[in-house]
Amino acid sequence: MTEPTISKLFDLTGRVALVTGGAGYLGSAMCRALAEAGASVVVSSRDPERAQSAAKELPVVGDARHVGVALDHKDEQSLQHGFADAVTQAGQVDILVNNGQGGVAKDWTNVSAEEFESQLQNATGYFLLSRVFRDHIVERDAAGSIVMIGSMYGMVASYPEAYEDVCPASPVGYHALKGGIIQMTRHLSVYWATDQIRVNCLSPGPFPKETAPAEMVERLKTKSPLRRMGQPHELKGAVLLLASDAGSYLTGQNLVIDGGWTAW
């Protein structure tokens, strides 16, 4: 057997990647990574115009073709229709990045039962979309990769003093959600391994948007070994590793990109 080169291992030419929430802050960076590696990217959003606009902005390598679809992963009917639309437009889906996130950012002091449960519905959507993807791969007798997006906050607690008197604390429902996604990754990986489907989780650390409260960001920096926040492009290599043949023997794992936060 000829050993594949690094460029071949990371090459996604001829493959199609569906990224939920692909028009967002971190989702758009991951879409660019997959597109730059040669994949055709299907960008999904609850807003079809936003999805299509984001798809048009992606770089094109070779014969790749990027499209946008409407998909709300918290709505099963929308999820089914969105995936079917992706297959219709792109011909197939080989990589699924479960990145979309929807929920109320309320902390433990005032979140209602309904709002908490709504946050957890993201995990339900991740599972249902993953199962649709799994069935699609099996029907094609192909191989596939699923990348769940978790968080370091699915592994460790936050620091109350980072948010005190500045903004609400990190949502308790978000912590419960991300911890569940990490464990679901492990569970699905062992059940679907014989279906030629790898399931991994990518857990970002602190990647605040520019609109985040400046004082909170400064406090968070003191908790990081690298003493800074992450930039969206710093997730590009990680998602490509998990999606491509470079990670062909990698499944059931949680890859943490957090500047060393969870190493303390």
C-alpha atoms as a PDB file:
ATOM      1  CA  MET A   1       0.000   0.000   0.000  1.00  0.00           C
ATOM      2  CA  THR A   2       1.302   3.408  -0.985  1.00  0.00           C
ATOM      3  CA  GLU A   3       1.402   5.785   1.934  1.00  0.00           C
ATOM      4  CA  PRO A   4      -0.862   8.806   1.286  1.00  0.00           C
ATOM      5  CA  THR A   5       0.753  12.206   1.386  1.00  0.00           C
ATOM      6  CA  ILE A   6      -0.333  14.928   3.779  1.00  0.00           C
ATOM      7  CA  SER A   7      -1.906  16.908   0.953  1.00  0.00           C
ATOM      8  CA  LYS A   8      -3.917  13.839  -0.079  1.00  0.00           C
ATOM      9  CA  LEU A   9      -5.039  13.088   3.478  1.00  0.00           C
ATOM     10  CA  PHE A  10      -6.461  16.591   3.945  1.00  0.00           C
ATOM     11  CA  ASP A  11      -7.903  16.864   0.432  1.00  0.00           C
ATOM     12  CA  LEU A  12     -11.720  16.984   0.323  1.00  0.00           C
ATOM     13  CA  THR A  13     -12.074  17.194  -3.453  1.00  0.00           C
ATOM     14  CA  GLY A  14     -15.282  15.511  -4.584  1.00  0.00           C
ATOM     15  CA  ARG A  15     -16.866  15.497  -1.136  1.00  0.00           C
ATOM     16  CA  VAL A  16     -19.837  17.442   0.128  1.00  0.00           C
ATOM     17  CA  ALA A  17     -20.025  18.921   3.613  1.00  0.00           C
ATOM     18  CA  LEU A  18     -23.216  20.152   5.288  1.00  0.00           C
ATOM     19  CA  VAL A  19     -22.586  22.698   8.032  1.00  0.00           C
ATOM     20  CA  THR A  20     -25.533  23.747  10.173  1.00  0.00           C
ATOM     21  CA  GLY A  21     -25.374  27.331  11.345  1.00  0.00           C
ATOM     22  CA  GLY A  22     -22.739  27.808   8.658  1.00  0.00           C
ATOM     23  CA  ALA A  23     -23.378  31.527   8.304  1.00  0.00           C
ATOM     24  CA  GLY A  24     -22.495  32.229  11.935  1.00  0.00           C
ATOM     25  CA  TYR A  25     -19.357  33.484  13.665  1.00  0.00           C
ATOM     26  CA  LEU A  26     -17.579  30.140  14.061  1.00  0.00           C
ATOM     27  CA  GLY A  27     -19.621  28.236  11.485  1.00  0.00           C
ATOM     28  CA  SER A  28     -18.451  30.480   8.651  1.00  0.00           C
ATOM     29  CA  ALA A  29     -14.789  29.846   9.522  1.00  0.00           C
ATOM     30  CA  MET A  30     -15.357  26.096   9.467  1.00  0.00           C
ATOM     31  CA  CYS A  31     -17.160  26.394   6.131  1.00  0.00           C
ATOM     32  CA  ARG A  32     -14.163  28.249   4.708  1.00  0.00           C
ATOM     33  CA  ALA A  33     -11.809  25.531   5.954  1.00  0.00           C
ATOM     34  CA  LEU A  34     -13.798  22.790   4.230  1.00  0.00           C
ATOM     35  CA  ALA A  35     -14.152  24.832   1.038  1.00  0.00           C
ATOM     36  CA  GLU A  36     -10.434  25.649   0.949  1.00  0.00           C
ATOM     37  CA  ALA A  37      -9.729  21.908   1.190  1.00  0.00           C
ATOM     38  CA  GLY A  38     -11.773  21.324  -1.969  1.00  0.00           C
ATOM     39  CA  ALA A  39     -15.174  20.322  -0.619  1.00  0.00           C
ATOM     40  CA  SER A  40     -18.506  21.507  -1.916  1.00  0.00           C
ATOM     41  CA  VAL A  41     -20.157  23.103   1.096  1.00  0.00           C
ATOM     42  CA  VAL A  42     -23.854  23.226   1.910  1.00  0.00           C
ATOM     43  CA  VAL A  43     -24.436  26.104   4.305  1.00  0.00           C
ATOM     44  CA  SER A  44     -27.592  25.795   6.370  1.00  0.00           C
ATOM     45  CA  SER A  45     -29.401  28.472   8.325  1.00  0.00           C
ATOM     46  CA  ARG A  46     -32.932  29.083   9.545  1.00  0.00           C
ATOM     47  CA  ASP A  47     -32.841  32.046   7.139  1.00  0.00           C
ATOM     48  CA  PRO A  48     -32.512  30.728   3.551  1.00  0.00           C
ATOM     49  CA  GLU A  49     -31.270  34.072   2.202  1.00  0.00           C
ATOM     50  CA  ARG A  50     -28.543  34.209   4.830  1.00  0.00           C
ATOM     51  CA  ALA A  51     -27.505  30.663   3.967  1.00  0.00           C
ATOM     52  CA  GLN A  52     -27.339  31.399   0.250  1.00  0.00           C
ATOM     53  CA  SER A  53     -25.417  34.623   0.803  1.00  0.00           C
ATOM     54  CA  ALA A  54     -22.849  32.845   2.984  1.00  0.00           C
ATOM     55  CA  ALA A  55     -22.441  30.074   0.412  1.00  0.00           C
ATOM     56  CA  LYS A  56     -21.699  32.610  -2.334  1.00  0.00           C
ATOM     57  CA  GLU A  57     -18.865  34.087  -0.279  1.00  0.00           C
ATOM     58  CA  LEU A  58     -16.974  30.804   0.090  1.00  0.00           C
ATOM     59  CA  PRO A  59     -13.819  30.155  -1.952  1.00  0.00           C
ATOM     60  CA  VAL A  60     -14.205  27.674  -4.801  1.00  0.00           C
ATOM     61  CA  VAL A  61     -11.554  25.045  -5.499  1.00  0.00           C
ATOM     62  CA  GLY A  62     -11.769  23.132  -8.767  1.00  0.00           C
ATOM     63  CA  ASP A  63     -15.284  21.960  -9.595  1.00  0.00           C
ATOM     64  CA  ALA A  64     -16.692  22.513  -6.094  1.00  0.00           C
ATOM     65  CA  ARG A  65     -20.088  24.151  -5.849  1.00  0.00           C
ATOM     66  CA  HIS A  66     -21.461  25.747  -2.694  1.00  0.00           C
ATOM     67  CA  VAL A  67     -25.170  26.105  -1.931  1.00  0.00           C
ATOM     68  CA  GLY A  68     -27.376  27.333   0.897  1.00  0.00           C
ATOM     69  CA  VAL A  69     -30.409  25.581   2.390  1.00  0.00           C
ATOM     70  CA  ALA A  70     -32.995  26.444   5.014  1.00  0.00           C
ATOM     71  CA  LEU A  71     -32.725  24.131   8.019  1.00  0.00           C
ATOM     72  CA  ASP A  72     -33.827  24.538  11.617  1.00  0.00           C
ATOM     73  CA  HIS A  73     -32.377  21.578  13.510  1.00  0.00           C
ATOM     74  CA  LYS A  74     -34.795  22.173  16.400  1.00  0.00           C
ATOM     75  CA  ASP A  75     -37.720  21.452  14.062  1.00  0.00           C
ATOM     76  CA  GLU A  76     -37.816  17.831  12.860  1.00  0.00           C
ATOM     77  CA  GLN A  77     -39.797  18.578   9.705  1.00  0.00           C
ATOM     78  CA  SER A  78     -37.446  21.424   8.764  1.00  0.00           C
ATOM     79  CA  LEU A  79     -34.488  19.176   9.514  1.00  0.00           C
ATOM     80  CA  GLN A  80     -35.774  16.446   7.204  1.00  0.00           C
ATOM     81  CA  HIS A  81     -36.598  18.885   4.407  1.00  0.00           C
ATOM     82  CA  GLY A  82     -33.311  20.748   4.776  1.00  0.00           C
ATOM     83  CA  PHE A  83     -31.238  17.580   4.490  1.00  0.00           C
ATOM     84  CA  ALA A  84     -33.256  16.398   1.497  1.00  0.00           C
ATOM     85  CA  ASP A  85     -32.726  19.788  -0.158  1.00  0.00           C
ATOM     86  CA  ALA A  86     -28.986  19.519   0.471  1.00  0.00           C
ATOM     87  CA  VAL A  87     -28.888  16.121  -1.236  1.00  0.00           C
ATOM     88  CA  THR A  88     -31.002  17.378  -4.138  1.00  0.00           C
ATOM     89  CA  GLN A  89     -28.782  20.388  -4.753  1.00  0.00           C
ATOM     90  CA  ALA A  90     -25.380  18.825  -4.024  1.00  0.00           C
ATOM     91  CA  GLY A  91     -26.060  15.227  -5.060  1.00  0.00           C
ATOM     92  CA  GLN A  92     -24.846  13.735  -1.755  1.00  0.00           C
ATOM     93  CA  VAL A  93     -23.559  14.591   1.706  1.00  0.00           C
ATOM     94  CA  ASP A  94     -20.315  13.047   2.982  1.00  0.00           C
ATOM     95  CA  ILE A  95     -19.550  15.247   5.991  1.00  0.00           C
ATOM     96  CA  LEU A  96     -21.948  16.638   8.582  1.00  0.00           C
ATOM     97  CA  VAL A  97     -20.915  19.405  10.957  1.00  0.00           C
ATOM     98  CA  ASN A  98     -23.563  19.845  13.662  1.00  0.00           C
ATOM     99  CA  ASN A  99     -22.817  23.429  14.604  1.00  0.00           C
ATOM    100  CA  GLY A 100     -26.156  25.276  14.773  1.00  0.00           C
ATOM    101  CA  GLN A 101     -27.139  26.602  18.181  1.00  0.00           C
ATOM    102  CA  GLY A 102     -30.361  28.212  19.350  1.00  0.00           C
ATOM    103  CA  GLY A 103     -31.463  29.090  22.847  1.00  0.00           C
ATOM    104  CA  VAL A 104     -32.052  31.800  25.420  1.00  0.00           C
ATOM    105  CA  ALA A 105     -28.875  32.943  27.171  1.00  0.00           C
ATOM    106  CA  LYS A 106     -30.328  32.992  30.681  1.00  0.00           C
ATOM    107  CA  ASP A 107     -28.326  31.778  33.666  1.00  0.00           C
ATOM    108  CA  TRP A 108     -29.468  29.627  36.586  1.00  0.00           C
ATOM    109  CA  THR A 109     -31.070  32.580  38.387  1.00  0.00           C
ATOM    110  CA  ASN A 110     -33.947  33.153  35.995  1.00  0.00           C
ATOM    111  CA  VAL A 111     -34.136  30.466  33.301  1.00  0.00           C
ATOM    112  CA  SER A 112     -37.562  28.848  33.082  1.00  0.00           C
ATOM    113  CA  ALA A 113     -38.209  25.135  32.641  1.00  0.00           C
ATOM    114  CA  GLU A 114     -39.416  25.769  29.098  1.00  0.00           C
ATOM    115  CA  GLU A 115     -36.321  27.796  28.220  1.00  0.00           C
ATOM    116  CA  PHE A 116     -34.020  25.154  29.715  1.00  0.00           C
ATOM    117  CA  GLU A 117     -35.731  22.410  27.732  1.00  0.00           C
ATOM    118  CA  SER A 118     -35.535  24.523  24.578  1.00  0.00           C
ATOM    119  CA  GLN A 119     -31.761  24.683  25.004  1.00  0.00           C
ATOM    120  CA  LEU A 120     -31.580  20.903  25.290  1.00  0.00           C
ATOM    121  CA  GLN A 121     -33.577  20.542  22.071  1.00  0.00           C
ATOM    122  CA  ASN A 122     -30.348  21.372  20.255  1.00  0.00           C
ATOM    123  CA  ALA A 123     -29.036  17.949  21.294  1.00  0.00           C
ATOM    124  CA  THR A 124     -32.188  16.301  19.961  1.00  0.00           C
ATOM    125  CA  GLY A 125     -31.651  18.071  16.649  1.00  0.00           C
ATOM    126  CA  TYR A 126     -28.012  17.003  16.496  1.00  0.00           C
ATOM    127  CA  PHE A 127     -29.049  13.390  17.023  1.00  0.00           C
ATOM    128  CA  LEU A 128     -31.919  13.388  14.528  1.00  0.00           C
ATOM    129  CA  LEU A 129     -29.855  15.060  11.807  1.00  0.00           C
ATOM    130  CA  SER A 130     -26.974  12.678  12.474  1.00  0.00           C
ATOM    131  CA  ARG A 131     -29.321   9.714  12.092  1.00  0.00           C
ATOM    132  CA  VAL A 132     -30.668  11.041   8.792  1.00  0.00           C
ATOM    133  CA  PHE A 133     -27.074  11.469   7.641  1.00  0.00           C
ATOM    134  CA  ARG A 134     -26.167   7.948   8.813  1.00  0.00           C
ATOM    135  CA  ASP A 135     -29.057   6.431   6.841  1.00  0.00           C
ATOM    136  CA  HIS A 136     -27.986   8.428   3.759  1.00  0.00           C
ATOM    137  CA  ILE A 137     -24.417   7.104   4.020  1.00  0.00           C
ATOM    138  CA  VAL A 138     -25.544   3.495   4.523  1.00  0.00           C
ATOM    139  CA  GLU A 139     -27.933   3.676   1.551  1.00  0.00           C
ATOM    140  CA  ARG A 140     -25.032   4.846  -0.622  1.00  0.00           C
ATOM    141  CA  ASP A 141     -22.663   2.214   0.796  1.00  0.00           C
ATOM    142  CA  ALA A 142     -20.262   5.084   1.369  1.00  0.00           C
ATOM    143  CA  ALA A 143     -18.177   6.424   4.255  1.00  0.00           C
ATOM    144  CA  GLY A 144     -18.912   9.533   6.250  1.00  0.00           C
ATOM    145  CA  SER A 145     -17.759  11.810   9.038  1.00  0.00           C
ATOM    146  CA  ILE A 146     -19.843  13.615  11.653  1.00  0.00           C
ATOM    147  CA  VAL A 147     -18.395  16.507  13.625  1.00  0.00           C
ATOM    148  CA  MET A 148     -20.426  17.556  16.640  1.00  0.00           C
ATOM    149  CA  ILE A 149     -19.684  20.994  18.064  1.00  0.00           C
ATOM    150  CA  GLY A 150     -19.355  20.824  21.826  1.00  0.00           C
ATOM    151  CA  SER A 151     -17.649  23.253  24.189  1.00  0.00           C
ATOM    152  CA  MET A 152     -15.107  23.330  26.982  1.00  0.00           C
ATOM    153  CA  TYR A 153     -18.177  24.271  29.047  1.00  0.00           C
ATOM    154  CA  GLY A 154     -19.406  20.740  28.455  1.00  0.00           C
ATOM    155  CA  MET A 155     -16.370  19.573  30.426  1.00  0.00           C
ATOM    156  CA  VAL A 156     -15.705  22.174  33.116  1.00  0.00           C
ATOM    157  CA  ALA A 157     -17.650  24.786  35.052  1.00  0.00           C
ATOM    158  CA  SER A 158     -17.300  28.484  34.312  1.00  0.00           C
ATOM    159  CA  TYR A 159     -15.838  31.056  36.688  1.00  0.00           C
ATOM    160  CA  PRO A 160     -18.588  33.113  38.375  1.00  0.00           C
ATOM    161  CA  GLU A 161     -16.230  36.062  38.875  1.00  0.00           C
ATOM    162  CA  ALA A 162     -15.703  36.366  35.128  1.00  0.00           C
ATOM    163  CA  TYR A 163     -19.309  37.479  34.690  1.00  0.00           C
ATOM    164  CA  GLU A 164     -20.140  39.081  38.041  1.00  0.00           C
ATOM    165  CA  ASP A 165     -21.561  42.621  37.728  1.00  0.00           C
ATOM    166  CA  VAL A 166     -20.865  42.565  33.983  1.00  0.00           C
ATOM    167  CA  CYS A 167     -23.314  40.209  32.299  1.00  0.00           C
ATOM    168  CA  PRO A 168     -25.353  37.045  32.994  1.00  0.00           C
ATOM    169  CA  ALA A 169     -23.320  33.953  33.836  1.00  0.00           C
ATOM    170  CA  SER A 170     -22.857  31.266  31.208  1.00  0.00           C
ATOM    171  CA  PRO A 171     -26.250  29.516  30.832  1.00  0.00           C
ATOM    172  CA  VAL A 172     -26.723  26.379  32.898  1.00  0.00           C
ATOM    173  CA  GLY A 173     -28.732  24.883  30.021  1.00  0.00           C
ATOM    174  CA  TYR A 174     -25.765  25.438  27.697  1.00  0.00           C
ATOM    175  CA  HIS A 175     -23.455  23.516  30.039  1.00  0.00           C
ATOM    176  CA  ALA A 176     -25.948  20.639  30.236  1.00  0.00           C
ATOM    177  CA  LEU A 177     -26.356  20.670  26.450  1.00  0.00           C
ATOM    178  CA  LYS A 178     -22.676  20.599  25.586  1.00  0.00           C
ATOM    179  CA  GLY A 179     -21.861  17.910  28.147  1.00  0.00           C
ATOM    180  CA  GLY A 180     -24.595  15.780  26.616  1.00  0.00           C
ATOM    181  CA  ILE A 181     -23.298  16.336  23.086  1.00  0.00           C
ATOM    182  CA  ILE A 182     -19.828  15.144  24.081  1.00  0.00           C
ATOM    183  CA  GLN A 183     -21.258  11.958  25.572  1.00  0.00           C
ATOM    184  CA  MET A 184     -23.619  11.422  22.621  1.00  0.00           C
ATOM    185  CA  THR A 185     -20.570  11.592  20.348  1.00  0.00           C
ATOM    186  CA  ARG A 186     -19.001   8.648  22.150  1.00  0.00           C
ATOM    187  CA  HIS A 187     -22.229   6.658  22.084  1.00  0.00           C
ATOM    188  CA  LEU A 188     -22.951   7.100  18.373  1.00  0.00           C
ATOM    189  CA  SER A 189     -19.337   6.494  17.387  1.00  0.00           C
ATOM    190  CA  VAL A 190     -19.354   2.915  18.652  1.00  0.00           C
ATOM    191  CA  TYR A 191     -22.740   2.081  17.148  1.00  0.00           C
ATOM    192  CA  TRP A 192     -21.963   3.533  13.723  1.00  0.00           C
ATOM    193  CA  ALA A 193     -18.317   2.513  13.332  1.00  0.00           C
ATOM    194  CA  THR A 194     -19.268  -0.588  11.336  1.00  0.00           C
ATOM    195  CA  ASP A 195     -21.363   1.667   9.077  1.00  0.00           C
ATOM    196  CA  GLN A 196     -18.120   3.427   8.053  1.00  0.00           C
ATOM    197  CA  ILE A 197     -19.149   6.576   9.877  1.00  0.00           C
ATOM    198  CA  ARG A 198     -16.764   8.360  12.200  1.00  0.00           C
ATOM    199  CA  VAL A 199     -18.315  10.537  14.912  1.00  0.00           C
ATOM    200  CA  ASN A 200     -16.173  13.081  16.746  1.00  0.00           C
ATOM    201  CA  CYS A 201     -16.697  16.234  18.745  1.00  0.00           C
ATOM    202  CA  LEU A 202     -14.904  19.572  18.406  1.00  0.00           C
ATOM    203  CA  SER A 203     -15.073  21.600  21.620  1.00  0.00           C
ATOM    204  CA  PRO A 204     -14.008  25.243  21.370  1.00  0.00           C
ATOM    205  CA  GLY A 205     -12.884  27.198  24.397  1.00  0.00           C
ATOM    206  CA  PRO A 206     -13.373  30.964  24.689  1.00  0.00           C
ATOM    207  CA  PHE A 207     -14.086  32.456  21.255  1.00  0.00           C
ATOM    208  CA  PRO A 208     -16.091  35.594  22.104  1.00  0.00           C
ATOM    209  CA  LYS A 209     -17.473  37.819  19.384  1.00  0.00           C
ATOM    210  CA  GLU A 210     -16.335  41.431  19.100  1.00  0.00           C
ATOM    211  CA  THR A 211     -19.652  42.460  20.643  1.00  0.00           C
ATOM    212  CA  ALA A 212     -18.941  40.577  23.880  1.00  0.00           C
ATOM    213  CA  PRO A 213     -18.551  42.764  27.014  1.00  0.00           C
ATOM    214  CA  ALA A 214     -14.949  43.959  27.101  1.00  0.00           C
ATOM    215  CA  GLU A 215     -14.602  43.557  30.873  1.00  0.00           C
ATOM    216  CA  MET A 216     -15.797  39.960  30.722  1.00  0.00           C
ATOM    217  CA  VAL A 217     -13.281  39.207  27.970  1.00  0.00           C
ATOM    218  CA  GLU A 218     -10.425  40.686  30.002  1.00  0.00           C
ATOM    219  CA  ARG A 219     -11.402  38.567  33.001  1.00  0.00           C
ATOM    220  CA  LEU A 220     -11.564  35.434  30.858  1.00  0.00           C
ATOM    221  CA  LYS A 221      -8.063  36.106  29.530  1.00  0.00           C
ATOM    222  CA  THR A 222      -6.666  35.760  33.040  1.00  0.00           C
ATOM    223  CA  LYS A 223      -8.085  32.225  33.209  1.00  0.00           C
ATOM    224  CA  SER A 224      -6.361  31.076  30.007  1.00  0.00           C
ATOM    225  CA  PRO A 225      -2.792  29.727  29.961  1.00  0.00           C
ATOM    226  CA  LEU A 226      -2.271  31.563  26.652  1.00  0.00           C
ATOM    227  CA  ARG A 227      -3.749  34.728  28.200  1.00  0.00           C
ATOM    228  CA  ARG A 228      -5.873  35.459  25.148  1.00  0.00           C
ATOM    229  CA  MET A 229      -9.086  34.488  23.436  1.00  0.00           C
ATOM    230  CA  GLY A 230      -9.400  32.236  20.407  1.00  0.00           C
ATOM    231  CA  GLN A 231      -9.848  33.493  16.848  1.00  0.00           C
ATOM    232  CA  PRO A 232     -12.313  31.740  14.489  1.00  0.00           C
ATOM    233  CA  HIS A 233      -9.559  30.687  12.065  1.00  0.00           C
ATOM    234  CA  GLU A 234      -7.962  28.681  14.878  1.00  0.00           C
ATOM    235  CA  LEU A 235     -10.735  26.090  14.492  1.00  0.00           C
ATOM    236  CA  LYS A 236     -10.078  25.543  10.785  1.00  0.00           C
ATOM    237  CA  GLY A 237      -7.304  22.972  11.145  1.00  0.00           C
ATOM    238  CA  ALA A 238      -9.205  21.039  13.787  1.00  0.00           C
ATOM    239  CA  VAL A 239     -12.419  20.682  11.809  1.00  0.00           C
ATOM    240  CA  LEU A 240     -10.466  19.664   8.720  1.00  0.00           C
ATOM    241  CA  LEU A 241      -8.637  16.953  10.679  1.00  0.00           C
ATOM    242  CA  LEU A 242     -11.916  15.491  11.925  1.00  0.00           C
ATOM    243  CA  ALA A 243     -13.667  15.731   8.545  1.00  0.00           C
ATOM    244  CA  SER A 244     -10.907  14.417   6.278  1.00  0.00           C
ATOM    245  CA  ASP A 245      -8.951  11.203   5.800  1.00  0.00           C
ATOM    246  CA  ALA A 246      -6.243  12.727   7.976  1.00  0.00           C
ATOM    247  CA  GLY A 247      -8.451  11.579  10.853  1.00  0.00           C
ATOM    248  CA  SER A 248      -9.436   8.235   9.341  1.00  0.00           C
ATOM    249  CA  TYR A 249      -8.610   6.292  12.535  1.00  0.00           C
ATOM    250  CA  LEU A 250     -10.116   8.926  14.809  1.00  0.00           C
ATOM    251  CA  THR A 251     -13.615   8.367  16.180  1.00  0.00           C
ATOM    252  CA  GLY A 252     -15.469   8.830  19.459  1.00  0.00           C
ATOM    253  CA  GLN A 253     -13.104  11.611  20.514  1.00  0.00           C
ATOM    254  CA  ASN A 254     -13.530  15.132  21.831  1.00  0.00           C
ATOM    255  CA  LEU A 255     -10.926  17.510  20.390  1.00  0.00           C
ATOM    256  CA  VAL A 256     -10.631  20.552  22.651  1.00  0.00           C
ATOM    257  CA  ILE A 257      -9.351  23.850  21.211  1.00  0.00           C
ATOM    258  CA  ASP A 258      -9.273  26.081  24.267  1.00  0.00           C
ATOM    259  CA  GLY A 259      -5.865  27.716  24.606  1.00  0.00           C
ATOM    260  CA  GLY A 260      -5.078  25.306  27.438  1.00  0.00           C
ATOM    261  CA  TRP A 261      -8.079  26.283  29.596  1.00  0.00           C
ATOM    262  CA  THR A 262      -8.992  22.710  30.573  1.00  0.00           C
ATOM    263  CA  ALA A 263      -5.350  21.808  31.275  1.00  0.00           C
ATOM    264  CA  TRP A 264      -5.392  23.723  34.584  1.00  0.00           C
END
